[in-house]
Amino acid sequence: MLEITGLGGLIVLVLDIWAIVSVVGSTASTGKKVLWVLLILLLPILGFIIWLVAGPRAARA
């Protein structure tokens, strides 16, 4: 299994938190938000990449 530690792990953590905040702030339905957050939490790197390509974006002010 791929283990990410140190600076790489910190970068992945920050990117995942950014993705989750963006999903929660999006206009997507609650069910879709929950699924996206679960995907990002369960598959940190792959989930982030999938979100980056196809996920909901935060609503702009």
PDB file of N, CA and C in Angstrom:
ATOM      1  N   MET A   1       0.847  -1.185   0.000  1.00  0.00           N
ATOM      2  CA  MET A   1       0.000   0.000   0.000  1.00  0.00           C
ATOM      3  C   MET A   1       0.885   1.238   0.000  1.00  0.00           C
ATOM      4  N   LEU A   2       0.425   2.245  -0.707  1.00  0.00           N
ATOM      5  CA  LEU A   2       1.167   3.498  -0.813  1.00  0.00           C
ATOM      6  C   LEU A   2       1.046   4.275   0.494  1.00  0.00           C
ATOM      7  N   GLU A   3       2.181   4.609   1.066  1.00  0.00           N
ATOM      8  CA  GLU A   3       2.186   5.368   2.306  1.00  0.00           C
ATOM      9  C   GLU A   3       2.813   6.728   2.056  1.00  0.00           C
ATOM     10  N   ILE A   4       2.078   7.760   2.392  1.00  0.00           N
ATOM     11  CA  ILE A   4       2.581   9.121   2.188  1.00  0.00           C
ATOM     12  C   ILE A   4       2.838   9.732   3.552  1.00  0.00           C
ATOM     13  N   THR A   5       4.066  10.201   3.761  1.00  0.00           N
ATOM     14  CA  THR A   5       4.429  10.791   5.046  1.00  0.00           C
ATOM     15  C   THR A   5       5.144  12.108   4.813  1.00  0.00           C
ATOM     16  N   GLY A   6       5.359  12.837   5.871  1.00  0.00           N
ATOM     17  CA  GLY A   6       6.139  14.060   5.796  1.00  0.00           C
ATOM     18  C   GLY A   6       5.458  15.148   4.989  1.00  0.00           C
ATOM     19  N   LEU A   7       6.264  15.827   4.179  1.00  0.00           N
ATOM     20  CA  LEU A   7       5.778  16.950   3.397  1.00  0.00           C
ATOM     21  C   LEU A   7       4.710  16.519   2.391  1.00  0.00           C
ATOM     22  N   GLY A   8       4.876  15.357   1.776  1.00  0.00           N
ATOM     23  CA  GLY A   8       3.886  14.850   0.821  1.00  0.00           C
ATOM     24  C   GLY A   8       2.544  14.630   1.482  1.00  0.00           C
ATOM     25  N   GLY A   9       2.544  14.070   2.676  1.00  0.00           N
ATOM     26  CA  GLY A   9       1.307  13.851   3.417  1.00  0.00           C
ATOM     27  C   GLY A   9       0.632  15.159   3.803  1.00  0.00           C
ATOM     28  N   LEU A  10       1.432  16.134   4.177  1.00  0.00           N
ATOM     29  CA  LEU A  10       0.888  17.444   4.531  1.00  0.00           C
ATOM     30  C   LEU A  10       0.246  18.109   3.318  1.00  0.00           C
ATOM     31  N   ILE A  11       0.884  17.995   2.172  1.00  0.00           N
ATOM     32  CA  ILE A  11       0.331  18.574   0.945  1.00  0.00           C
ATOM     33  C   ILE A  11      -0.995  17.907   0.584  1.00  0.00           C
ATOM     34  N   VAL A  12      -1.040  16.576   0.663  1.00  0.00           N
ATOM     35  CA  VAL A  12      -2.278  15.851   0.369  1.00  0.00           C
ATOM     36  C   VAL A  12      -3.371  16.261   1.353  1.00  0.00           C
ATOM     37  N   LEU A  13      -3.047  16.396   2.620  1.00  0.00           N
ATOM     38  CA  LEU A  13      -4.018  16.806   3.633  1.00  0.00           C
ATOM     39  C   LEU A  13      -4.586  18.189   3.321  1.00  0.00           C
ATOM     40  N   VAL A  14      -3.723  19.137   3.001  1.00  0.00           N
ATOM     41  CA  VAL A  14      -4.174  20.498   2.702  1.00  0.00           C
ATOM     42  C   VAL A  14      -5.063  20.511   1.454  1.00  0.00           C
ATOM     43  N   LEU A  15      -4.669  19.780   0.414  1.00  0.00           N
ATOM     44  CA  LEU A  15      -5.470  19.732  -0.808  1.00  0.00           C
ATOM     45  C   LEU A  15      -6.825  19.078  -0.562  1.00  0.00           C
ATOM     46  N   ASP A  16      -6.852  18.022   0.243  1.00  0.00           N
ATOM     47  CA  ASP A  16      -8.112  17.359   0.559  1.00  0.00           C
ATOM     48  C   ASP A  16      -9.034  18.262   1.375  1.00  0.00           C
ATOM     49  N   ILE A  17      -8.485  18.992   2.326  1.00  0.00           N
ATOM     50  CA  ILE A  17      -9.295  19.926   3.112  1.00  0.00           C
ATOM     51  C   ILE A  17      -9.867  21.012   2.209  1.00  0.00           C
ATOM     52  N   TRP A  18      -9.056  21.515   1.290  1.00  0.00           N
ATOM     53  CA  TRP A  18      -9.517  22.526   0.335  1.00  0.00           C
ATOM     54  C   TRP A  18     -10.659  21.978  -0.522  1.00  0.00           C
ATOM     55  N   ALA A  19     -10.521  20.734  -0.979  1.00  0.00           N
ATOM     56  CA  ALA A  19     -11.558  20.108  -1.801  1.00  0.00           C
ATOM     57  C   ALA A  19     -12.847  19.935  -0.998  1.00  0.00           C
ATOM     58  N   ILE A  20     -12.734  19.491   0.242  1.00  0.00           N
ATOM     59  CA  ILE A  20     -13.921  19.278   1.079  1.00  0.00           C
ATOM     60  C   ILE A  20     -14.623  20.602   1.364  1.00  0.00           C
ATOM     61  N   VAL A  21     -13.870  21.645   1.673  1.00  0.00           N
ATOM     62  CA  VAL A  21     -14.472  22.961   1.913  1.00  0.00           C
ATOM     63  C   VAL A  21     -15.181  23.450   0.648  1.00  0.00           C
ATOM     64  N   SER A  22     -14.571  23.226  -0.487  1.00  0.00           N
ATOM     65  CA  SER A  22     -15.188  23.626  -1.750  1.00  0.00           C
ATOM     66  C   SER A  22     -16.472  22.853  -2.018  1.00  0.00           C
ATOM     67  N   VAL A  23     -16.468  21.549  -1.739  1.00  0.00           N
ATOM     68  CA  VAL A  23     -17.668  20.735  -1.937  1.00  0.00           C
ATOM     69  C   VAL A  23     -18.779  21.207  -1.005  1.00  0.00           C
ATOM     70  N   VAL A  24     -18.467  21.430   0.252  1.00  0.00           N
ATOM     71  CA  VAL A  24     -19.482  21.853   1.220  1.00  0.00           C
ATOM     72  C   VAL A  24     -20.058  23.218   0.831  1.00  0.00           C
ATOM     73  N   GLY A  25     -19.253  24.087   0.258  1.00  0.00           N
ATOM     74  CA  GLY A  25     -19.714  25.409  -0.153  1.00  0.00           C
ATOM     75  C   GLY A  25     -20.358  25.440  -1.524  1.00  0.00           C
ATOM     76  N   SER A  26     -20.462  24.314  -2.184  1.00  0.00           N
ATOM     77  CA  SER A  26     -21.038  24.276  -3.527  1.00  0.00           C
ATOM     78  C   SER A  26     -22.556  24.293  -3.478  1.00  0.00           C
ATOM     79  N   THR A  27     -23.153  24.416  -4.654  1.00  0.00           N
ATOM     80  CA  THR A  27     -24.609  24.426  -4.745  1.00  0.00           C
ATOM     81  C   THR A  27     -25.182  23.037  -5.015  1.00  0.00           C
ATOM     82  N   ALA A  28     -24.363  22.012  -4.930  1.00  0.00           N
ATOM     83  CA  ALA A  28     -24.819  20.635  -5.157  1.00  0.00           C
ATOM     84  C   ALA A  28     -25.781  20.221  -4.051  1.00  0.00           C
ATOM     85  N   SER A  29     -26.574  19.189  -4.333  1.00  0.00           N
ATOM     86  CA  SER A  29     -27.517  18.685  -3.327  1.00  0.00           C
ATOM     87  C   SER A  29     -26.753  18.069  -2.155  1.00  0.00           C
ATOM     88  N   THR A  30     -27.437  17.946  -1.037  1.00  0.00           N
ATOM     89  CA  THR A  30     -26.799  17.400   0.173  1.00  0.00           C
ATOM     90  C   THR A  30     -26.275  15.991  -0.062  1.00  0.00           C
ATOM     91  N   GLY A  31     -27.037  15.172  -0.764  1.00  0.00           N
ATOM     92  CA  GLY A  31     -26.609  13.804  -1.044  1.00  0.00           C
ATOM     93  C   GLY A  31     -25.328  13.762  -1.853  1.00  0.00           C
ATOM     94  N   LYS A  32     -25.233  14.618  -2.866  1.00  0.00           N
ATOM     95  CA  LYS A  32     -24.024  14.665  -3.688  1.00  0.00           C
ATOM     96  C   LYS A  32     -22.835  15.164  -2.886  1.00  0.00           C
ATOM     97  N   LYS A  33     -23.073  16.139  -2.010  1.00  0.00           N
ATOM     98  CA  LYS A  33     -21.993  16.649  -1.157  1.00  0.00           C
ATOM     99  C   LYS A  33     -21.435  15.534  -0.284  1.00  0.00           C
ATOM    100  N   VAL A  34     -22.333  14.750   0.325  1.00  0.00           N
ATOM    101  CA  VAL A  34     -21.911  13.649   1.201  1.00  0.00           C
ATOM    102  C   VAL A  34     -21.083  12.638   0.410  1.00  0.00           C
ATOM    103  N   LEU A  35     -21.549  12.278  -0.786  1.00  0.00           N
ATOM    104  CA  LEU A  35     -20.806  11.311  -1.608  1.00  0.00           C
ATOM    105  C   LEU A  35     -19.424  11.843  -1.986  1.00  0.00           C
ATOM    106  N   TRP A  36     -19.335  13.113  -2.366  1.00  0.00           N
ATOM    107  CA  TRP A  36     -18.032  13.677  -2.725  1.00  0.00           C
ATOM    108  C   TRP A  36     -17.081  13.695  -1.529  1.00  0.00           C
ATOM    109  N   VAL A  37     -17.594  14.104  -0.363  1.00  0.00           N
ATOM    110  CA  VAL A  37     -16.736  14.154   0.832  1.00  0.00           C
ATOM    111  C   VAL A  37     -16.257  12.750   1.191  1.00  0.00           C
ATOM    112  N   LEU A  38     -17.146  11.750   1.109  1.00  0.00           N
ATOM    113  CA  LEU A  38     -16.734  10.368   1.393  1.00  0.00           C
ATOM    114  C   LEU A  38     -15.670   9.894   0.406  1.00  0.00           C
ATOM    115  N   LEU A  39     -15.844  10.220  -0.871  1.00  0.00           N
ATOM    116  CA  LEU A  39     -14.861   9.826  -1.874  1.00  0.00           C
ATOM    117  C   LEU A  39     -13.495  10.444  -1.570  1.00  0.00           C
ATOM    118  N   ILE A  40     -13.494  11.721  -1.214  1.00  0.00           N
ATOM    119  CA  ILE A  40     -12.237  12.407  -0.912  1.00  0.00           C
ATOM    120  C   ILE A  40     -11.594  11.842   0.352  1.00  0.00           C
ATOM    121  N   LEU A  41     -12.403  11.498   1.350  1.00  0.00           N
ATOM    122  CA  LEU A  41     -11.851  10.964   2.597  1.00  0.00           C
ATOM    123  C   LEU A  41     -11.341   9.530   2.446  1.00  0.00           C
ATOM    124  N   LEU A  42     -12.065   8.708   1.687  1.00  0.00           N
ATOM    125  CA  LEU A  42     -11.684   7.299   1.555  1.00  0.00           C
ATOM    126  C   LEU A  42     -10.533   7.095   0.575  1.00  0.00           C
ATOM    127  N   LEU A  43     -10.457   7.924  -0.448  1.00  0.00           N
ATOM    128  CA  LEU A  43      -9.385   7.829  -1.444  1.00  0.00           C
ATOM    129  C   LEU A  43      -8.740   9.209  -1.576  1.00  0.00           C
ATOM    130  N   PRO A  44      -7.868   9.570  -0.647  1.00  0.00           N
ATOM    131  CA  PRO A  44      -7.369  10.949  -0.588  1.00  0.00           C
ATOM    132  C   PRO A  44      -6.767  11.480  -1.896  1.00  0.00           C
ATOM    133  N   ILE A  45      -5.897  10.748  -2.528  1.00  0.00           N
ATOM    134  CA  ILE A  45      -5.245  11.255  -3.734  1.00  0.00           C
ATOM    135  C   ILE A  45      -6.156  11.095  -4.944  1.00  0.00           C
ATOM    136  N   LEU A  46      -6.668   9.896  -5.149  1.00  0.00           N
ATOM    137  CA  LEU A  46      -7.532   9.630  -6.299  1.00  0.00           C
ATOM    138  C   LEU A  46      -8.838  10.422  -6.184  1.00  0.00           C
ATOM    139  N   GLY A  47      -9.402  10.487  -4.993  1.00  0.00           N
ATOM    140  CA  GLY A  47     -10.622  11.258  -4.784  1.00  0.00           C
ATOM    141  C   GLY A  47     -10.427  12.726  -5.095  1.00  0.00           C
ATOM    142  N   PHE A  48      -9.280  13.283  -4.700  1.00  0.00           N
ATOM    143  CA  PHE A  48      -8.978  14.683  -5.001  1.00  0.00           C
ATOM    144  C   PHE A  48      -8.874  14.896  -6.504  1.00  0.00           C
ATOM    145  N   ILE A  49      -8.203  14.000  -7.186  1.00  0.00           N
ATOM    146  CA  ILE A  49      -8.039  14.139  -8.635  1.00  0.00           C
ATOM    147  C   ILE A  49      -9.391  14.055  -9.337  1.00  0.00           C
ATOM    148  N   ILE A  50     -10.230  13.106  -8.917  1.00  0.00           N
ATOM    149  CA  ILE A  50     -11.563  12.979  -9.514  1.00  0.00           C
ATOM    150  C   ILE A  50     -12.378  14.239  -9.236  1.00  0.00           C
ATOM    151  N   TRP A  51     -12.314  14.759  -8.011  1.00  0.00           N
ATOM    152  CA  TRP A  51     -13.028  15.988  -7.677  1.00  0.00           C
ATOM    153  C   TRP A  51     -12.522  17.149  -8.521  1.00  0.00           C
ATOM    154  N   LEU A  52     -11.208  17.224  -8.718  1.00  0.00           N
ATOM    155  CA  LEU A  52     -10.613  18.314  -9.485  1.00  0.00           C
ATOM    156  C   LEU A  52     -11.146  18.321 -10.912  1.00  0.00           C
ATOM    157  N   VAL A  53     -11.365  17.131 -11.469  1.00  0.00           N
ATOM    158  CA  VAL A  53     -11.832  17.022 -12.848  1.00  0.00           C
ATOM    159  C   VAL A  53     -13.353  17.176 -12.941  1.00  0.00           C
ATOM    160  N   ALA A  54     -14.097  16.534 -12.041  1.00  0.00           N
ATOM    161  CA  ALA A  54     -15.544  16.431 -12.228  1.00  0.00           C
ATOM    162  C   ALA A  54     -16.393  16.912 -11.070  1.00  0.00           C
ATOM    163  N   GLY A  55     -15.788  17.347  -9.996  1.00  0.00           N
ATOM    164  CA  GLY A  55     -16.568  17.665  -8.798  1.00  0.00           C
ATOM    165  C   GLY A  55     -17.223  19.022  -8.818  1.00  0.00           C
ATOM    166  N   PRO A  56     -18.147  19.231  -7.884  1.00  0.00           N
ATOM    167  CA  PRO A  56     -18.824  20.535  -7.782  1.00  0.00           C
ATOM    168  C   PRO A  56     -17.875  21.591  -7.232  1.00  0.00           C
ATOM    169  N   ARG A  57     -18.056  22.795  -7.674  1.00  0.00           N
ATOM    170  CA  ARG A  57     -17.218  23.903  -7.220  1.00  0.00           C
ATOM    171  C   ARG A  57     -17.976  24.744  -6.192  1.00  0.00           C
ATOM    172  N   ALA A  58     -17.238  25.483  -5.384  1.00  0.00           N
ATOM    173  CA  ALA A  58     -17.859  26.364  -4.399  1.00  0.00           C
ATOM    174  C   ALA A  58     -18.601  27.479  -5.119  1.00  0.00           C
ATOM    175  N   ALA A  59     -19.687  27.910  -4.531  1.00  0.00           N
ATOM    176  CA  ALA A  59     -20.467  29.004  -5.109  1.00  0.00           C
ATOM    177  C   ALA A  59     -19.654  30.292  -4.997  1.00  0.00           C
ATOM    178  N   ARG A  60     -19.662  31.062  -6.058  1.00  0.00           N
ATOM    179  CA  ARG A  60     -18.911  32.319  -6.055  1.00  0.00           C
ATOM    180  C   ARG A  60     -19.766  33.435  -5.464  1.00  0.00           C
ATOM    181  N   ALA A  61     -19.119  34.322  -4.741  1.00  0.00           N
ATOM    182  CA  ALA A  61     -19.856  35.416  -4.089  1.00  0.00           C
ATOM    183  C   ALA A  61     -20.179  36.526  -5.073  1.00  0.00           C
TER     184      ALA A  61
END
